[in-house]
């Protein structure tokens, strides 16, 4: 993954480099250096961000289902 693709995934994930660094327990400077000539982006970052993005979508779906009350209807027993 190149630096441009990395920045695109961060944007899709809604994360700044600083926020991503905080999640990982590192510094924003470390993240900013990824993709430079001497600093490759770690192999796991693309799959991590893809899963993070997918998880955010799942949370939105879960919230929408919860708000719709569909689950509450399924919990009620017929009389």
C-alpha atoms as a PDB file:
ATOM      1  CA  UNK A   1       0.000   0.000   0.000  1.00  0.00           C
ATOM      2  CA  UNK A   2       1.345   3.421  -0.893  1.00  0.00           C
ATOM      3  CA  UNK A   3       0.969   6.640   1.080  1.00  0.00           C
ATOM      4  CA  UNK A   4      -1.892   7.891  -1.123  1.00  0.00           C
ATOM      5  CA  UNK A   5      -3.949   4.716  -0.554  1.00  0.00           C
ATOM      6  CA  UNK A   6      -3.170   4.906   3.164  1.00  0.00           C
ATOM      7  CA  UNK A   7      -4.408   8.494   3.365  1.00  0.00           C
ATOM      8  CA  UNK A   8      -7.550   7.531   1.418  1.00  0.00           C
ATOM      9  CA  UNK A   9      -8.322   4.686   3.842  1.00  0.00           C
ATOM     10  CA  UNK A  10      -7.801   6.979   6.828  1.00  0.00           C
ATOM     11  CA  UNK A  11     -10.237   9.454   5.291  1.00  0.00           C
ATOM     12  CA  UNK A  12     -12.843   6.739   4.627  1.00  0.00           C
ATOM     13  CA  UNK A  13     -12.390   5.534   8.211  1.00  0.00           C
ATOM     14  CA  UNK A  14     -12.942   9.073   9.458  1.00  0.00           C
ATOM     15  CA  UNK A  15      -9.630   9.052  11.300  1.00  0.00           C
ATOM     16  CA  UNK A  16      -6.865  11.612  11.383  1.00  0.00           C
ATOM     17  CA  UNK A  17      -3.289  10.404  11.603  1.00  0.00           C
ATOM     18  CA  UNK A  18      -3.249  11.628  15.202  1.00  0.00           C
ATOM     19  CA  UNK A  19      -6.397   9.649  16.091  1.00  0.00           C
ATOM     20  CA  UNK A  20      -5.025   6.543  14.367  1.00  0.00           C
ATOM     21  CA  UNK A  21      -1.760   6.948  16.284  1.00  0.00           C
ATOM     22  CA  UNK A  22      -3.649   7.215  19.587  1.00  0.00           C
ATOM     23  CA  UNK A  23      -5.580   4.020  18.845  1.00  0.00           C
ATOM     24  CA  UNK A  24      -2.303   2.234  18.091  1.00  0.00           C
ATOM     25  CA  UNK A  25      -0.475   3.733  21.049  1.00  0.00           C
ATOM     26  CA  UNK A  26       2.162   5.495  18.961  1.00  0.00           C
ATOM     27  CA  UNK A  27       2.853   9.048  17.861  1.00  0.00           C
ATOM     28  CA  UNK A  28       1.432  11.052  14.988  1.00  0.00           C
ATOM     29  CA  UNK A  29       4.979  11.568  13.746  1.00  0.00           C
ATOM     30  CA  UNK A  30       5.449   7.829  13.353  1.00  0.00           C
ATOM     31  CA  UNK A  31       2.254   7.563  11.321  1.00  0.00           C
ATOM     32  CA  UNK A  32       3.187  10.604   9.216  1.00  0.00           C
ATOM     33  CA  UNK A  33       6.508   9.000   8.316  1.00  0.00           C
ATOM     34  CA  UNK A  34       4.850   5.852   6.986  1.00  0.00           C
ATOM     35  CA  UNK A  35       5.021   5.740   3.215  1.00  0.00           C
ATOM     36  CA  UNK A  36       8.078   7.939   2.964  1.00  0.00           C
ATOM     37  CA  UNK A  37      11.090   6.645   1.045  1.00  0.00           C
ATOM     38  CA  UNK A  38      12.764   4.991   4.011  1.00  0.00           C
ATOM     39  CA  UNK A  39       9.653   4.019   5.973  1.00  0.00           C
ATOM     40  CA  UNK A  40       7.223   1.471   4.507  1.00  0.00           C
ATOM     41  CA  UNK A  41       3.656   1.275   5.708  1.00  0.00           C
ATOM     42  CA  UNK A  42       3.367  -1.893   7.829  1.00  0.00           C
ATOM     43  CA  UNK A  43       1.760  -4.833   6.015  1.00  0.00           C
ATOM     44  CA  UNK A  44      -1.136  -5.106   8.506  1.00  0.00           C
ATOM     45  CA  UNK A  45      -2.362  -1.497   8.230  1.00  0.00           C
ATOM     46  CA  UNK A  46      -4.517  -1.980   5.120  1.00  0.00           C
ATOM     47  CA  UNK A  47      -6.440  -4.937   6.541  1.00  0.00           C
ATOM     48  CA  UNK A  48      -6.739  -3.234   9.957  1.00  0.00           C
ATOM     49  CA  UNK A  49      -8.255  -0.093   8.440  1.00  0.00           C
ATOM     50  CA  UNK A  50     -10.550  -2.137   6.174  1.00  0.00           C
ATOM     51  CA  UNK A  51     -11.877  -4.038   9.189  1.00  0.00           C
ATOM     52  CA  UNK A  52     -12.251  -0.795  11.153  1.00  0.00           C
ATOM     53  CA  UNK A  53     -14.313   0.708   8.329  1.00  0.00           C
ATOM     54  CA  UNK A  54     -16.459  -2.433   8.067  1.00  0.00           C
ATOM     55  CA  UNK A  55     -16.992  -2.390  11.840  1.00  0.00           C
ATOM     56  CA  UNK A  56     -18.159   1.230  11.699  1.00  0.00           C
ATOM     57  CA  UNK A  57     -20.715   0.269   9.034  1.00  0.00           C
ATOM     58  CA  UNK A  58     -21.912  -2.666  11.157  1.00  0.00           C
ATOM     59  CA  UNK A  59     -22.334  -0.384  14.166  1.00  0.00           C
ATOM     60  CA  UNK A  60     -24.499   1.968  12.104  1.00  0.00           C
ATOM     61  CA  UNK A  61     -26.657  -0.922  10.891  1.00  0.00           C
ATOM     62  CA  UNK A  62     -26.993  -2.289  14.424  1.00  0.00           C
ATOM     63  CA  UNK A  63     -27.989   1.141  15.706  1.00  0.00           C
ATOM     64  CA  UNK A  64     -30.583   1.576  12.937  1.00  0.00           C
ATOM     65  CA  UNK A  65     -32.095  -1.845  13.657  1.00  0.00           C
ATOM     66  CA  UNK A  66     -32.161  -1.105  17.365  1.00  0.00           C
ATOM     67  CA  UNK A  67     -33.871   2.260  16.819  1.00  0.00           C
ATOM     68  CA  UNK A  68     -36.433   0.691  14.478  1.00  0.00           C
ATOM     69  CA  UNK A  69     -37.785  -1.477  17.299  1.00  0.00           C
ATOM     70  CA  UNK A  70     -37.728  -4.636  15.182  1.00  0.00           C
ATOM     71  CA  UNK A  71     -35.781  -6.495  17.851  1.00  0.00           C
ATOM     72  CA  UNK A  72     -38.298  -5.465  20.504  1.00  0.00           C
ATOM     73  CA  UNK A  73     -41.110  -6.924  18.420  1.00  0.00           C
ATOM     74  CA  UNK A  74     -39.289 -10.221  18.149  1.00  0.00           C
ATOM     75  CA  UNK A  75     -38.816 -10.362  21.933  1.00  0.00           C
ATOM     76  CA  UNK A  76     -42.544 -10.101  22.614  1.00  0.00           C
ATOM     77  CA  UNK A  77     -44.304 -13.422  23.047  1.00  0.00           C
ATOM     78  CA  UNK A  78     -47.678 -13.966  21.402  1.00  0.00           C
ATOM     79  CA  UNK A  79     -50.637 -14.120  23.765  1.00  0.00           C
END
